[in-house]
Protein backbone atom coordinates (compact mmCIF):
# COMPACT_ATOMS: atom_id res chain seq x y z
CA UNK A 1 66.24 87.91 86.33
CA UNK A 2 66.09 87.18 82.61
CA UNK A 3 68.89 85.23 80.95
CA UNK A 4 68.71 87.30 77.76
CA UNK A 5 67.57 90.82 77.07
CA UNK A 6 64.79 91.43 74.59
CA UNK A 7 67.30 93.23 72.37
CA UNK A 8 69.46 90.10 72.28
CA UNK A 9 66.46 87.95 71.39
CA UNK A 10 65.54 90.21 68.48
CA UNK A 11 69.14 90.17 67.23
CA UNK A 12 69.54 86.39 67.50
CA UNK A 13 66.12 84.89 66.76
CA UNK A 14 64.26 84.96 63.44
CA UNK A 15 60.99 85.65 65.28
CA UNK A 16 60.03 86.57 68.85
CA UNK A 17 56.70 85.35 70.25
CA UNK A 18 55.06 87.23 73.14
CA UNK A 19 51.82 85.90 74.66
CA UNK A 20 49.73 88.41 76.55
CA UNK A 21 49.61 88.25 80.35
CA UNK A 22 47.29 90.21 82.60
CA UNK A 23 47.87 88.98 86.17
CA UNK A 24 50.28 86.85 88.18
CA UNK A 25 48.68 83.49 87.36
CA UNK A 26 48.72 84.17 83.62
CA UNK A 27 52.28 85.44 83.97
CA UNK A 28 53.45 82.30 85.75
CA UNK A 29 51.77 80.01 83.24
CA UNK A 30 53.10 81.86 80.19
CA UNK A 31 56.55 81.96 81.75
CA UNK A 32 56.63 78.11 81.77
CA UNK A 33 56.06 77.86 78.00
CA UNK A 34 58.56 78.08 75.14
CA UNK A 35 57.50 81.66 74.41
CA UNK A 36 60.40 84.08 74.02
CA UNK A 37 58.99 87.01 75.98
CA UNK A 38 55.76 88.15 77.61
CA UNK A 39 53.49 91.09 76.87
CA UNK A 40 51.65 92.81 79.71
CA UNK A 41 48.43 93.85 78.02
CA UNK A 42 46.81 97.12 79.05
CA UNK A 43 43.45 95.80 77.88
CA UNK A 44 43.80 92.73 80.10
CA UNK A 45 45.20 94.57 83.10
CA UNK A 46 42.42 97.17 83.05
CA UNK A 47 39.86 94.36 82.85
CA UNK A 48 41.34 91.98 85.42
CA UNK A 49 42.76 94.49 87.92
CA UNK A 50 40.13 97.23 87.72
CA UNK A 51 37.13 95.61 86.00
CA UNK A 52 37.18 98.52 83.53
CA UNK A 53 37.63 98.94 79.77
CA UNK A 54 40.96 99.93 78.28
CA UNK A 55 39.85 103.52 77.76
CA UNK A 56 42.45 105.59 79.57
CA UNK A 57 41.03 104.81 83.01
CA UNK A 58 44.04 102.99 84.47
CA UNK A 59 46.54 105.38 86.06
CA UNK A 60 50.32 105.34 85.87
CA UNK A 61 50.55 104.16 89.48
CA UNK A 62 48.13 101.29 88.92
CA UNK A 63 49.91 100.12 85.78
CA UNK A 64 53.34 100.48 87.39
CA UNK A 65 52.18 98.25 90.25
CA UNK A 66 51.23 95.54 87.74
CA UNK A 67 54.54 95.91 85.86
CA UNK A 68 56.53 95.50 89.04
CA UNK A 69 54.74 92.48 90.47
CA UNK A 70 54.63 90.63 87.14
CA UNK A 71 58.27 91.43 86.28
CA UNK A 72 59.35 90.15 89.70
CA UNK A 73 57.41 86.93 89.20
CA UNK A 74 58.56 85.89 85.71
CA UNK A 75 61.94 85.08 84.18
CA UNK A 76 61.23 85.93 80.56
CA UNK A 77 61.58 89.52 79.32
CA UNK A 78 58.40 91.50 79.95
CA UNK A 79 57.09 94.06 77.47
CA UNK A 80 54.77 96.46 79.29
CA UNK A 81 52.03 98.63 77.83
CA UNK A 82 52.72 102.25 78.79
CA UNK A 83 49.72 103.76 76.96
CA UNK A 84 50.48 107.39 76.00
CA UNK A 85 53.06 107.86 78.75
CA UNK A 86 50.22 109.11 81.01
CA UNK A 87 50.51 112.76 80.06
CA UNK A 88 53.01 115.24 78.67
CA UNK A 89 56.76 115.10 78.23
CA UNK A 90 57.56 115.11 81.96
CA UNK A 91 55.08 112.27 82.46
CA UNK A 92 56.73 110.27 79.67
CA UNK A 93 60.15 110.80 81.27
CA UNK A 94 58.80 109.62 84.62
CA UNK A 95 56.96 106.66 83.07
CA UNK A 96 59.96 105.34 81.14
CA UNK A 97 62.18 105.54 84.21
CA UNK A 98 59.53 103.92 86.38
CA UNK A 99 58.90 101.00 84.04
CA UNK A 100 62.63 100.39 83.61
CA UNK A 101 63.23 100.39 87.38
CA UNK A 102 60.23 98.09 87.86
CA UNK A 103 61.94 95.41 85.77
CA UNK A 104 60.27 95.64 82.36
CA UNK A 105 62.37 94.78 79.33
CA UNK A 106 60.50 97.22 77.09
CA UNK A 107 57.80 99.87 77.23
CA UNK A 108 55.16 100.44 74.56
CA UNK A 109 54.20 104.07 73.96
CA UNK A 110 51.44 105.18 71.58
CA UNK A 111 50.42 108.33 69.76
CA UNK A 112 46.75 108.46 70.72
CA UNK A 113 45.05 111.50 72.14
CA UNK A 114 43.86 111.13 75.72
CA UNK A 115 41.87 109.42 76.93
CA UNK A 116 43.35 106.57 74.92
CA UNK A 117 41.38 103.47 73.88
CA UNK A 118 42.07 99.90 72.87
CA UNK A 119 43.52 99.99 69.36
CA UNK A 120 40.81 97.76 67.89
CA UNK A 121 37.87 99.83 69.10
CA UNK A 122 36.29 102.90 67.40
CA UNK A 123 36.62 106.63 68.10
CA UNK A 124 40.39 106.75 68.48
CA UNK A 125 42.27 109.93 67.60
CA UNK A 126 45.98 110.62 67.36
CA UNK A 127 48.20 113.49 68.37
CA UNK A 128 50.48 115.09 65.78
CA UNK A 129 53.51 113.15 64.62
CA UNK A 130 55.72 115.96 65.99
CA UNK A 131 54.20 115.60 69.47
CA UNK A 132 54.90 111.88 69.44
CA UNK A 133 58.44 112.39 68.16
CA UNK A 134 59.00 114.72 71.10
CA UNK A 135 57.70 112.06 73.50
CA UNK A 136 60.01 109.44 72.01
CA UNK A 137 62.98 111.81 72.18
CA UNK A 138 62.31 112.34 75.87
CA UNK A 139 61.75 108.62 76.43
CA UNK A 140 64.98 107.76 74.66
CA UNK A 141 66.88 110.18 76.89
CA UNK A 142 65.14 108.94 80.06
CA UNK A 143 66.16 105.29 79.90
CA UNK A 144 69.37 104.37 81.68
CA UNK A 145 70.20 101.40 79.43
CA UNK A 146 69.74 100.78 75.71
CA UNK A 147 68.78 97.22 76.66
CA UNK A 148 65.50 98.71 77.88
CA UNK A 149 63.63 98.99 74.59
CA UNK A 150 61.05 101.50 73.43
CA UNK A 151 58.22 100.26 71.22
CA UNK A 152 56.50 103.11 69.39
CA UNK A 153 52.91 102.45 68.38
CA UNK A 154 50.89 104.54 65.98
CA UNK A 155 47.10 104.36 65.77
CA UNK A 156 47.05 106.57 62.67
CA UNK A 157 45.91 103.79 60.30
CA UNK A 158 42.27 103.96 61.39
CA UNK A 159 41.93 107.75 61.45
CA UNK A 160 44.41 108.96 58.82
CA UNK A 161 45.15 105.95 56.61
CA UNK A 162 47.94 103.46 56.12
CA UNK A 163 50.37 105.78 54.31
CA UNK A 164 50.31 108.23 57.22
CA UNK A 165 50.80 105.36 59.67
CA UNK A 166 53.88 104.21 57.74
CA UNK A 167 55.22 107.77 57.58
CA UNK A 168 54.86 108.01 61.34
CA UNK A 169 56.57 104.67 61.81
CA UNK A 170 59.61 105.99 59.92
CA UNK A 171 59.64 109.19 61.98
CA UNK A 172 59.32 107.32 65.26
CA UNK A 173 62.23 105.03 64.41
CA UNK A 174 64.36 108.09 63.60
CA UNK A 175 63.38 109.55 66.99
CA UNK A 176 64.92 106.59 68.81
CA UNK A 177 62.23 103.89 69.00
CA UNK A 178 63.72 100.40 68.80
CA UNK A 179 60.60 98.63 67.51
CA UNK A 180 57.72 100.01 65.45
CA UNK A 181 54.11 98.97 66.02
CA UNK A 182 51.60 99.97 63.33
CA UNK A 183 48.28 99.31 65.04
CA UNK A 184 45.30 97.60 63.39
CA UNK A 185 46.14 97.07 59.72
CA UNK A 186 43.03 95.49 58.23
CA UNK A 187 44.37 92.97 55.70
CA UNK A 188 47.38 90.83 54.93
CA UNK A 189 48.08 93.14 51.99
CA UNK A 190 48.31 96.12 54.35
CA UNK A 191 50.60 94.17 56.67
CA UNK A 192 52.82 93.24 53.74
CA UNK A 193 52.99 96.90 52.65
CA UNK A 194 54.14 97.86 56.16
CA UNK A 195 56.82 95.17 56.09
CA UNK A 196 58.14 96.37 52.73
CA UNK A 197 58.09 100.06 53.67
CA UNK A 198 59.80 99.92 57.06
CA UNK A 199 63.33 98.58 57.44
CA UNK A 200 63.18 98.39 61.24
CA UNK A 201 62.04 95.68 63.69
CA UNK A 202 58.26 95.45 63.45
CA UNK A 203 55.77 93.96 65.90
CA UNK A 204 52.35 92.66 64.88
CA UNK A 205 49.43 92.90 67.26
CA UNK A 206 47.72 89.52 66.78
CA UNK A 207 44.61 90.43 68.71
CA UNK A 208 42.02 87.68 68.53
CA UNK A 209 38.68 89.25 67.65
CA UNK A 210 40.28 92.45 66.37
CA UNK A 211 40.71 94.16 63.00
CA UNK A 212 43.99 92.53 61.97
CA UNK A 213 44.21 89.05 60.39
CA UNK A 214 45.63 86.32 62.61
CA UNK A 215 48.59 84.83 60.71
CA UNK A 216 51.02 82.07 61.64
CA UNK A 217 54.54 83.05 62.61
CA UNK A 218 56.18 81.87 59.40
CA UNK A 219 53.85 84.12 57.41
CA UNK A 220 54.43 87.09 59.72
CA UNK A 221 58.18 86.68 59.37
CA UNK A 222 57.91 86.32 55.59
CA UNK A 223 56.01 89.61 55.22
CA UNK A 224 58.46 91.54 57.38
CA UNK A 225 57.61 91.20 61.06
CA UNK A 226 60.12 90.27 63.76
CA UNK A 227 57.74 89.95 66.71
CA UNK A 228 54.12 89.24 67.53
CA UNK A 229 52.10 89.99 70.64
CA UNK A 230 48.91 88.10 71.48
CA UNK A 231 47.18 90.37 74.03
CA UNK A 232 43.71 88.84 74.25
CA UNK A 233 44.10 85.11 73.61
CA UNK A 234 44.77 84.10 77.23
CA UNK A 235 42.31 86.61 78.67
CA UNK A 236 39.44 85.54 76.40
CA UNK A 237 40.17 81.85 76.95
CA UNK A 238 40.10 82.43 80.70
CA UNK A 239 36.85 84.38 80.52
CA UNK A 240 35.24 81.66 78.39
CA UNK A 241 36.27 78.88 80.78
CA UNK A 242 35.23 80.82 83.88
CA UNK A 243 31.85 81.65 82.40
CA UNK A 244 31.17 77.98 81.69
CA UNK A 245 32.42 76.76 85.06
CA UNK A 246 30.58 79.38 87.11
CA UNK A 247 27.37 78.83 85.16
CA UNK A 248 27.57 75.08 85.74
CA UNK A 249 28.16 75.53 89.46
CA UNK A 250 25.28 78.00 89.79
CA UNK A 251 22.95 75.57 88.00
CA UNK A 252 24.17 72.55 89.99
CA UNK A 253 25.55 70.89 86.87
CA UNK A 254 28.78 68.90 86.55
CA UNK A 255 31.75 71.01 85.52
CA UNK A 256 32.56 70.04 81.95
CA UNK A 257 35.56 72.28 81.37
CA UNK A 258 38.98 70.61 81.77
CA UNK A 259 40.56 71.75 85.04
CA UNK A 260 44.21 72.40 85.81
CA UNK A 261 45.49 69.79 88.24
CA UNK A 262 45.17 71.10 91.81
CA UNK A 263 48.54 69.76 92.98
CA UNK A 264 50.36 71.06 89.91
CA UNK A 265 48.73 74.47 90.37
CA UNK A 266 49.70 74.50 94.06
CA UNK A 267 53.29 73.91 93.01
CA UNK A 268 53.04 76.64 90.34
CA UNK A 269 52.09 79.29 92.87
CA UNK A 270 54.79 78.30 95.36
CA UNK A 271 53.51 75.79 97.89
CA UNK A 272 56.65 73.67 97.46
CA UNK A 273 58.68 76.58 98.84
CA UNK A 274 56.25 76.98 101.76
CA UNK A 275 56.56 73.31 102.67
CA UNK A 276 60.35 73.45 102.38
CA UNK A 277 60.44 76.51 104.64
CA UNK A 278 58.22 74.84 107.23
CA UNK A 279 60.37 71.71 107.22
CA UNK A 280 63.58 73.69 107.60
CA UNK A 281 62.25 75.76 110.50
CA UNK A 282 60.07 73.16 112.18
CA UNK A 283 62.24 73.17 115.29
CA UNK A 284 61.79 76.92 115.71
CA UNK A 285 58.01 76.62 115.57
CA UNK A 286 58.13 73.91 118.23
CA UNK A 287 59.97 76.12 120.73
């Protein structure tokens, strides 16, 4: 159970920081930091859970499973990637209700054509603005509480240009989206133009290795953003460390990567509770 809703954080804090999580270990570790909220990355979930690219291959049921288990494990508000809503208007209705019941604090919906792709990869295409407005209208009606936020993402910048992306951002806010996400601007100047044009809460996708510049939080706030997500930082750091460790082990070399303390990690994943349970019920096991 979170102590504050994501809406409350956005209202009270000058900037909201959301590291990307992709499984239960990353969720637990990020939950122990000073981060304000967590972002369940579709790119990371597709990779870690399915071993597949973020190219529209993960189903609603598979993503909902990840939302539920991560939301139940962490205390911070969880923003969950909902892709395109997994279909038409009825699918969007079902998806919003499912994510809200699963414990997410917000759902991210995007205006890509199916099958969708990671927003920093090529060959993405968008549906019409009207189709997305209809999805957001349905999503707005589907949620049971206004504390469950809707983040509307447009991928129009790459295909149709920045002006069209900004126009869509305005339309999506009018349709009931709480936060606007203009995907993959390609310079600080473009990001600044977005911040000037849109008088609504904006989220920046700070994707390491992607098209958008990585800026510090003071700069992001100065140019008009209220939130930032960091989808790939933890995933790529994990992959880098695992590659080095596994290669060393396979080649019978000493492991050079720093390792998380075994006892601290055992506590992180709940062994303290196991030991407490065993101590409390030791007499029952002896019978």
